[in-house]
Amino acid sequence: MTRFVLPALLPQDFAIRDVNAFRRSHRRPALQGVRRIGRAAIVLWSGSAGDAGDAVLYHDRATLWNRELSALSPVPIEEQGL
């Protein structure tokens, strides 16, 4: 579908915008920033973000999870008895 049908549906004047120049111009400052921060800071930040997520899951564990298997069914409760 993506390879053969969708290209045939594109308008005749369709053109893809070239974004290579944008990508090249912004790559160098981003790499320099990462080098300045260092790997340790990135690891610590990603670890603390994961810990924050774990804390939210633990704190709201009673309301986040539904322990009723029937709640997974898309069939309304009134029709489940049929």
PDB file of N, CA and C in Angstrom:
ATOM      1  N   MET A   1       0.826  -1.183   0.000  1.00  0.00           N
ATOM      2  CA  MET A   1       0.000   0.000   0.000  1.00  0.00           C
ATOM      3  C   MET A   1       0.879   1.258   0.000  1.00  0.00           C
ATOM      4  N   THR A   2       1.817   1.330   0.942  1.00  0.00           N
ATOM      5  CA  THR A   2       2.665   2.514   1.061  1.00  0.00           C
ATOM      6  C   THR A   2       3.580   2.665  -0.142  1.00  0.00           C
ATOM      7  N   ARG A   3       4.068   1.571  -0.664  1.00  0.00           N
ATOM      8  CA  ARG A   3       5.050   1.631  -1.754  1.00  0.00           C
ATOM      9  C   ARG A   3       4.422   1.925  -3.104  1.00  0.00           C
ATOM     10  N   PHE A   4       3.243   1.353  -3.387  1.00  0.00           N
ATOM     11  CA  PHE A   4       2.696   1.445  -4.731  1.00  0.00           C
ATOM     12  C   PHE A   4       1.433   2.296  -4.840  1.00  0.00           C
ATOM     13  N   VAL A   5       0.541   2.243  -3.864  1.00  0.00           N
ATOM     14  CA  VAL A   5      -0.737   2.934  -3.983  1.00  0.00           C
ATOM     15  C   VAL A   5      -0.634   4.395  -3.573  1.00  0.00           C
ATOM     16  N   LEU A   6      -0.074   4.675  -2.391  1.00  0.00           N
ATOM     17  CA  LEU A   6      -0.029   6.052  -1.901  1.00  0.00           C
ATOM     18  C   LEU A   6       0.756   6.996  -2.815  1.00  0.00           C
ATOM     19  N   PRO A   7       1.898   6.610  -3.380  1.00  0.00           N
ATOM     20  CA  PRO A   7       2.574   7.523  -4.305  1.00  0.00           C
ATOM     21  C   PRO A   7       1.714   7.876  -5.525  1.00  0.00           C
ATOM     22  N   ALA A   8       0.892   6.961  -5.964  1.00  0.00           N
ATOM     23  CA  ALA A   8       0.031   7.241  -7.114  1.00  0.00           C
ATOM     24  C   ALA A   8      -1.053   8.258  -6.772  1.00  0.00           C
ATOM     25  N   LEU A   9      -1.382   8.409  -5.503  1.00  0.00           N
ATOM     26  CA  LEU A   9      -2.418   9.349  -5.078  1.00  0.00           C
ATOM     27  C   LEU A   9      -1.889  10.759  -4.821  1.00  0.00           C
ATOM     28  N   LEU A  10      -0.580  10.948  -4.855  1.00  0.00           N
ATOM     29  CA  LEU A  10      -0.007  12.275  -4.606  1.00  0.00           C
ATOM     30  C   LEU A  10      -0.327  13.228  -5.753  1.00  0.00           C
ATOM     31  N   PRO A  11      -0.498  14.516  -5.443  1.00  0.00           N
ATOM     32  CA  PRO A  11      -0.715  15.496  -6.512  1.00  0.00           C
ATOM     33  C   PRO A  11       0.513  15.595  -7.411  1.00  0.00           C
ATOM     34  N   GLN A  12       0.308  16.057  -8.627  1.00  0.00           N
ATOM     35  CA  GLN A  12       1.398  16.150  -9.595  1.00  0.00           C
ATOM     36  C   GLN A  12       2.490  17.119  -9.155  1.00  0.00           C
ATOM     37  N   ASP A  13       2.121  18.199  -8.473  1.00  0.00           N
ATOM     38  CA  ASP A  13       3.099  19.216  -8.080  1.00  0.00           C
ATOM     39  C   ASP A  13       3.674  18.992  -6.681  1.00  0.00           C
ATOM     40  N   PHE A  14       3.507  17.798  -6.123  1.00  0.00           N
ATOM     41  CA  PHE A  14       4.011  17.497  -4.784  1.00  0.00           C
ATOM     42  C   PHE A  14       5.529  17.438  -4.791  1.00  0.00           C
ATOM     43  N   ALA A  15       6.146  18.109  -3.826  1.00  0.00           N
ATOM     44  CA  ALA A  15       7.608  18.089  -3.714  1.00  0.00           C
ATOM     45  C   ALA A  15       7.985  17.975  -2.238  1.00  0.00           C
ATOM     46  N   ILE A  16       8.986  17.194  -1.956  1.00  0.00           N
ATOM     47  CA  ILE A  16       9.475  17.035  -0.593  1.00  0.00           C
ATOM     48  C   ILE A  16      10.501  18.127  -0.328  1.00  0.00           C
ATOM     49  N   ARG A  17      10.373  18.777   0.804  1.00  0.00           N
ATOM     50  CA  ARG A  17      11.294  19.846   1.160  1.00  0.00           C
ATOM     51  C   ARG A  17      12.604  19.245   1.651  1.00  0.00           C
ATOM     52  N   ASP A  18      13.709  19.786   1.206  1.00  0.00           N
ATOM     53  CA  ASP A  18      15.033  19.315   1.603  1.00  0.00           C
ATOM     54  C   ASP A  18      15.365  19.868   2.988  1.00  0.00           C
ATOM     55  N   VAL A  19      15.574  18.982   3.963  1.00  0.00           N
ATOM     56  CA  VAL A  19      15.889  19.400   5.326  1.00  0.00           C
ATOM     57  C   VAL A  19      17.308  19.043   5.726  1.00  0.00           C
ATOM     58  N   ASN A  20      18.115  18.591   4.783  1.00  0.00           N
ATOM     59  CA  ASN A  20      19.488  18.205   5.102  1.00  0.00           C
ATOM     60  C   ASN A  20      20.315  19.369   5.618  1.00  0.00           C
ATOM     61  N   ALA A  21      20.141  20.558   5.050  1.00  0.00           N
ATOM     62  CA  ALA A  21      20.912  21.717   5.503  1.00  0.00           C
ATOM     63  C   ALA A  21      20.564  22.055   6.944  1.00  0.00           C
ATOM     64  N   PHE A  22      19.304  21.973   7.307  1.00  0.00           N
ATOM     65  CA  PHE A  22      18.886  22.230   8.685  1.00  0.00           C
ATOM     66  C   PHE A  22      19.503  21.225   9.640  1.00  0.00           C
ATOM     67  N   ARG A  23      19.475  19.975   9.242  1.00  0.00           N
ATOM     68  CA  ARG A  23      20.025  18.921  10.102  1.00  0.00           C
ATOM     69  C   ARG A  23      21.520  19.119  10.311  1.00  0.00           C
ATOM     70  N   ARG A  24      22.248  19.446   9.255  1.00  0.00           N
ATOM     71  CA  ARG A  24      23.690  19.637   9.367  1.00  0.00           C
ATOM     72  C   ARG A  24      24.032  20.851  10.227  1.00  0.00           C
ATOM     73  N   SER A  25      23.257  21.932  10.106  1.00  0.00           N
ATOM     74  CA  SER A  25      23.588  23.149  10.844  1.00  0.00           C
ATOM     75  C   SER A  25      23.311  23.018  12.330  1.00  0.00           C
ATOM     76  N   HIS A  26      22.410  22.116  12.731  1.00  0.00           N
ATOM     77  CA  HIS A  26      22.076  21.983  14.144  1.00  0.00           C
ATOM     78  C   HIS A  26      22.753  20.797  14.819  1.00  0.00           C
ATOM     79  N   ARG A  27      23.432  19.996  14.062  1.00  0.00           N
ATOM     80  CA  ARG A  27      24.060  18.807  14.635  1.00  0.00           C
ATOM     81  C   ARG A  27      25.263  19.177  15.500  1.00  0.00           C
ATOM     82  N   ARG A  28      26.103  20.056  15.022  1.00  0.00           N
ATOM     83  CA  ARG A  28      27.339  20.375  15.728  1.00  0.00           C
ATOM     84  C   ARG A  28      27.086  20.983  17.108  1.00  0.00           C
ATOM     85  N   PRO A  29      26.226  22.015  17.265  1.00  0.00           N
ATOM     86  CA  PRO A  29      25.987  22.553  18.613  1.00  0.00           C
ATOM     87  C   PRO A  29      25.403  21.503  19.567  1.00  0.00           C
ATOM     88  N   ALA A  30      24.548  20.634  19.047  1.00  0.00           N
ATOM     89  CA  ALA A  30      23.961  19.606  19.905  1.00  0.00           C
ATOM     90  C   ALA A  30      25.041  18.648  20.404  1.00  0.00           C
ATOM     91  N   LEU A  31      25.939  18.241  19.529  1.00  0.00           N
ATOM     92  CA  LEU A  31      27.012  17.338  19.946  1.00  0.00           C
ATOM     93  C   LEU A  31      27.942  17.999  20.949  1.00  0.00           C
ATOM     94  N   GLN A  32      28.236  19.284  20.754  1.00  0.00           N
ATOM     95  CA  GLN A  32      29.090  19.988  21.706  1.00  0.00           C
ATOM     96  C   GLN A  32      28.417  20.059  23.076  1.00  0.00           C
ATOM     97  N   GLY A  33      27.099  20.268  23.087  1.00  0.00           N
ATOM     98  CA  GLY A  33      26.378  20.316  24.358  1.00  0.00           C
ATOM     99  C   GLY A  33      26.426  18.986  25.082  1.00  0.00           C
ATOM    100  N   VAL A  34      26.289  17.921  24.340  1.00  0.00           N
ATOM    101  CA  VAL A  34      26.343  16.589  24.951  1.00  0.00           C
ATOM    102  C   VAL A  34      27.729  16.318  25.506  1.00  0.00           C
ATOM    103  N   ARG A  35      28.737  16.733  24.782  1.00  0.00           N
ATOM    104  CA  ARG A  35      30.106  16.518  25.270  1.00  0.00           C
ATOM    105  C   ARG A  35      30.355  17.308  26.548  1.00  0.00           C
ATOM    106  N   ARG A  36      29.789  18.532  26.622  1.00  0.00           N
ATOM    107  CA  ARG A  36      29.976  19.337  27.835  1.00  0.00           C
ATOM    108  C   ARG A  36      29.281  18.712  29.034  1.00  0.00           C
ATOM    109  N   ILE A  37      28.091  18.234  28.813  1.00  0.00           N
ATOM    110  CA  ILE A  37      27.331  17.649  29.920  1.00  0.00           C
ATOM    111  C   ILE A  37      28.008  16.384  30.430  1.00  0.00           C
ATOM    112  N   GLY A  38      28.414  15.566  29.499  1.00  0.00           N
ATOM    113  CA  GLY A  38      29.074  14.325  29.874  1.00  0.00           C
ATOM    114  C   GLY A  38      28.082  13.194  30.057  1.00  0.00           C
ATOM    115  N   ARG A  39      28.589  12.031  29.937  1.00  0.00           N
ATOM    116  CA  ARG A  39      27.734  10.846  30.043  1.00  0.00           C
ATOM    117  C   ARG A  39      27.176  10.657  31.438  1.00  0.00           C
ATOM    118  N   ALA A  40      27.938  10.999  32.444  1.00  0.00           N
ATOM    119  CA  ALA A  40      27.475  10.782  33.819  1.00  0.00           C
ATOM    120  C   ALA A  40      26.217  11.587  34.108  1.00  0.00           C
ATOM    121  N   ALA A  41      26.165  12.825  33.651  1.00  0.00           N
ATOM    122  CA  ALA A  41      24.988  13.661  33.891  1.00  0.00           C
ATOM    123  C   ALA A  41      23.770  13.096  33.179  1.00  0.00           C
ATOM    124  N   ILE A  42      23.961  12.589  31.984  1.00  0.00           N
ATOM    125  CA  ILE A  42      22.841  12.014  31.241  1.00  0.00           C
ATOM    126  C   ILE A  42      22.326  10.766  31.940  1.00  0.00           C
ATOM    127  N   VAL A  43      23.234   9.928  32.413  1.00  0.00           N
ATOM    128  CA  VAL A  43      22.822   8.718  33.121  1.00  0.00           C
ATOM    129  C   VAL A  43      22.092   9.069  34.409  1.00  0.00           C
ATOM    130  N   LEU A  44      22.596  10.047  35.147  1.00  0.00           N
ATOM    131  CA  LEU A  44      21.932  10.453  36.381  1.00  0.00           C
ATOM    132  C   LEU A  44      20.555  11.034  36.106  1.00  0.00           C
ATOM    133  N   TRP A  45      20.437  11.856  35.066  1.00  0.00           N
ATOM    134  CA  TRP A  45      19.149  12.457  34.744  1.00  0.00           C
ATOM    135  C   TRP A  45      18.150  11.389  34.328  1.00  0.00           C
ATOM    136  N   SER A  46      18.545  10.456  33.472  1.00  0.00           N
ATOM    137  CA  SER A  46      17.609   9.426  33.024  1.00  0.00           C
ATOM    138  C   SER A  46      17.232   8.517  34.182  1.00  0.00           C
ATOM    139  N   GLY A  47      18.175   8.262  35.088  1.00  0.00           N
ATOM    140  CA  GLY A  47      17.850   7.456  36.260  1.00  0.00           C
ATOM    141  C   GLY A  47      16.870   8.150  37.175  1.00  0.00           C
ATOM    142  N   SER A  48      17.041   9.462  37.372  1.00  0.00           N
ATOM    143  CA  SER A  48      16.127  10.181  38.258  1.00  0.00           C
ATOM    144  C   SER A  48      14.745  10.288  37.627  1.00  0.00           C
ATOM    145  N   ALA A  49      14.661  10.406  36.296  1.00  0.00           N
ATOM    146  CA  ALA A  49      13.359  10.442  35.638  1.00  0.00           C
ATOM    147  C   ALA A  49      12.650   9.101  35.807  1.00  0.00           C
ATOM    148  N   GLY A  50      13.401   8.016  35.697  1.00  0.00           N
ATOM    149  CA  GLY A  50      12.815   6.696  35.912  1.00  0.00           C
ATOM    150  C   GLY A  50      12.358   6.504  37.340  1.00  0.00           C
ATOM    151  N   ASP A  51      13.148   6.998  38.289  1.00  0.00           N
ATOM    152  CA  ASP A  51      12.760   6.901  39.690  1.00  0.00           C
ATOM    153  C   ASP A  51      11.496   7.696  39.972  1.00  0.00           C
ATOM    154  N   ALA A  52      11.358   8.862  39.356  1.00  0.00           N
ATOM    155  CA  ALA A  52      10.152   9.675  39.543  1.00  0.00           C
ATOM    156  C   ALA A  52       8.932   8.942  38.995  1.00  0.00           C
ATOM    157  N   GLY A  53       9.091   8.305  37.853  1.00  0.00           N
ATOM    158  CA  GLY A  53       7.989   7.526  37.290  1.00  0.00           C
ATOM    159  C   GLY A  53       7.609   6.361  38.184  1.00  0.00           C
ATOM    160  N   ASP A  54       8.617   5.680  38.720  1.00  0.00           N
ATOM    161  CA  ASP A  54       8.347   4.573  39.643  1.00  0.00           C
ATOM    162  C   ASP A  54       7.625   5.057  40.890  1.00  0.00           C
ATOM    163  N   ALA A  55       8.004   6.225  41.392  1.00  0.00           N
ATOM    164  CA  ALA A  55       7.354   6.770  42.589  1.00  0.00           C
ATOM    165  C   ALA A  55       5.893   7.084  42.322  1.00  0.00           C
ATOM    166  N   VAL A  56       5.585   7.636  41.148  1.00  0.00           N
ATOM    167  CA  VAL A  56       4.187   7.925  40.807  1.00  0.00           C
ATOM    168  C   VAL A  56       3.392   6.629  40.693  1.00  0.00           C
ATOM    169  N   LEU A  57       3.957   5.633  40.039  1.00  0.00           N
ATOM    170  CA  LEU A  57       3.262   4.353  39.916  1.00  0.00           C
ATOM    171  C   LEU A  57       3.013   3.718  41.275  1.00  0.00           C
ATOM    172  N   TYR A  58       3.989   3.798  42.168  1.00  0.00           N
ATOM    173  CA  TYR A  58       3.822   3.216  43.494  1.00  0.00           C
ATOM    174  C   TYR A  58       2.785   3.999  44.303  1.00  0.00           C
ATOM    175  N   HIS A  59       2.826   5.311  44.238  1.00  0.00           N
ATOM    176  CA  HIS A  59       1.913   6.139  45.020  1.00  0.00           C
ATOM    177  C   HIS A  59       0.463   5.953  44.577  1.00  0.00           C
ATOM    178  N   ASP A  60       0.235   5.838  43.271  1.00  0.00           N
ATOM    179  CA  ASP A  60      -1.128   5.741  42.747  1.00  0.00           C
ATOM    180  C   ASP A  60      -1.498   4.315  42.353  1.00  0.00           C
ATOM    181  N   ARG A  61      -0.845   3.343  42.924  1.00  0.00           N
ATOM    182  CA  ARG A  61      -1.063   1.957  42.508  1.00  0.00           C
ATOM    183  C   ARG A  61      -2.489   1.482  42.732  1.00  0.00           C
ATOM    184  N   ALA A  62      -3.197   2.023  43.716  1.00  0.00           N
ATOM    185  CA  ALA A  62      -4.562   1.579  43.993  1.00  0.00           C
ATOM    186  C   ALA A  62      -5.547   2.081  42.941  1.00  0.00           C
ATOM    187  N   THR A  63      -5.263   3.223  42.331  1.00  0.00           N
ATOM    188  CA  THR A  63      -6.208   3.784  41.365  1.00  0.00           C
ATOM    189  C   THR A  63      -5.788   3.573  39.916  1.00  0.00           C
ATOM    190  N   LEU A  64      -4.536   3.256  39.657  1.00  0.00           N
ATOM    191  CA  LEU A  64      -4.080   3.091  38.284  1.00  0.00           C
ATOM    192  C   LEU A  64      -4.470   1.743  37.685  1.00  0.00           C
ATOM    193  N   TRP A  65      -4.481   0.717  38.487  1.00  0.00           N
ATOM    194  CA  TRP A  65      -4.702  -0.628  37.979  1.00  0.00           C
ATOM    195  C   TRP A  65      -6.117  -1.087  38.311  1.00  0.00           C
ATOM    196  N   ASN A  66      -6.776  -1.696  37.339  1.00  0.00           N
ATOM    197  CA  ASN A  66      -8.084  -2.289  37.553  1.00  0.00           C
ATOM    198  C   ASN A  66      -7.881  -3.800  37.646  1.00  0.00           C
ATOM    199  N   ARG A  67      -8.220  -4.375  38.762  1.00  0.00           N
ATOM    200  CA  ARG A  67      -7.977  -5.798  38.986  1.00  0.00           C
ATOM    201  C   ARG A  67      -9.094  -6.690  38.443  1.00  0.00           C
ATOM    202  N   GLU A  68     -10.142  -6.096  37.894  1.00  0.00           N
ATOM    203  CA  GLU A  68     -11.252  -6.872  37.341  1.00  0.00           C
ATOM    204  C   GLU A  68     -10.967  -7.221  35.882  1.00  0.00           C
ATOM    205  N   LEU A  69     -10.867  -8.507  35.593  1.00  0.00           N
ATOM    206  CA  LEU A  69     -10.588  -8.958  34.243  1.00  0.00           C
ATOM    207  C   LEU A  69     -11.727  -8.606  33.290  1.00  0.00           C
ATOM    208  N   SER A  70     -12.942  -8.594  33.775  1.00  0.00           N
ATOM    209  CA  SER A  70     -14.086  -8.277  32.920  1.00  0.00           C
ATOM    210  C   SER A  70     -14.067  -6.827  32.442  1.00  0.00           C
ATOM    211  N   ALA A  71     -13.316  -5.973  33.109  1.00  0.00           N
ATOM    212  CA  ALA A  71     -13.233  -4.572  32.699  1.00  0.00           C
ATOM    213  C   ALA A  71     -12.498  -4.419  31.376  1.00  0.00           C
ATOM    214  N   LEU A  72     -11.760  -5.447  30.955  1.00  0.00           N
ATOM    215  CA  LEU A  72     -11.055  -5.403  29.688  1.00  0.00           C
ATOM    216  C   LEU A  72     -11.971  -5.636  28.489  1.00  0.00           C
ATOM    217  N   SER A  73     -13.158  -6.140  28.735  1.00  0.00           N
ATOM    218  CA  SER A  73     -14.076  -6.461  27.660  1.00  0.00           C
ATOM    219  C   SER A  73     -14.730  -5.200  27.096  1.00  0.00           C
ATOM    220  N   PRO A  74     -14.813  -5.073  25.759  1.00  0.00           N
ATOM    221  CA  PRO A  74     -15.490  -3.918  25.175  1.00  0.00           C
ATOM    222  C   PRO A  74     -17.010  -4.069  25.186  1.00  0.00           C
ATOM    223  N   VAL A  75     -17.502  -5.249  25.585  1.00  0.00           N
ATOM    224  CA  VAL A  75     -18.947  -5.492  25.610  1.00  0.00           C
ATOM    225  C   VAL A  75     -19.539  -4.840  26.857  1.00  0.00           C
ATOM    226  N   PRO A  76     -20.647  -4.074  26.706  1.00  0.00           N
ATOM    227  CA  PRO A  76     -21.271  -3.430  27.879  1.00  0.00           C
ATOM    228  C   PRO A  76     -21.719  -4.458  28.908  1.00  0.00           C
ATOM    229  N   ILE A  77     -21.747  -4.042  30.159  1.00  0.00           N
ATOM    230  CA  ILE A  77     -22.111  -4.938  31.272  1.00  0.00           C
ATOM    231  C   ILE A  77     -23.488  -5.532  31.064  1.00  0.00           C
ATOM    232  N   GLU A  78     -24.431  -4.733  30.552  1.00  0.00           N
ATOM    233  CA  GLU A  78     -25.806  -5.236  30.349  1.00  0.00           C
ATOM    234  C   GLU A  78     -25.823  -6.403  29.370  1.00  0.00           C
ATOM    235  N   GLU A  79     -24.955  -6.380  28.379  1.00  0.00           N
ATOM    236  CA  GLU A  79     -24.947  -7.432  27.354  1.00  0.00           C
ATOM    237  C   GLU A  79     -24.044  -8.599  27.726  1.00  0.00           C
ATOM    238  N   GLN A  80     -23.205  -8.442  28.728  1.00  0.00           N
ATOM    239  CA  GLN A  80     -22.323  -9.545  29.128  1.00  0.00           C
ATOM    240  C   GLN A  80     -23.114 -10.713  29.691  1.00  0.00           C
ATOM    241  N   GLY A  81     -24.238 -10.430  30.315  1.00  0.00           N
ATOM    242  CA  GLY A  81     -25.067 -11.505  30.866  1.00  0.00           C
ATOM    243  C   GLY A  81     -25.734 -12.363  29.824  1.00  0.00           C
ATOM    244  N   LEU A  82     -25.917 -11.839  28.619  1.00  0.00           N
ATOM    245  CA  LEU A  82     -26.554 -12.611  27.554  1.00  0.00           C
ATOM    246  C   LEU A  82     -25.645 -13.723  27.090  1.00  0.00           C
TER     247      LEU A  82
END
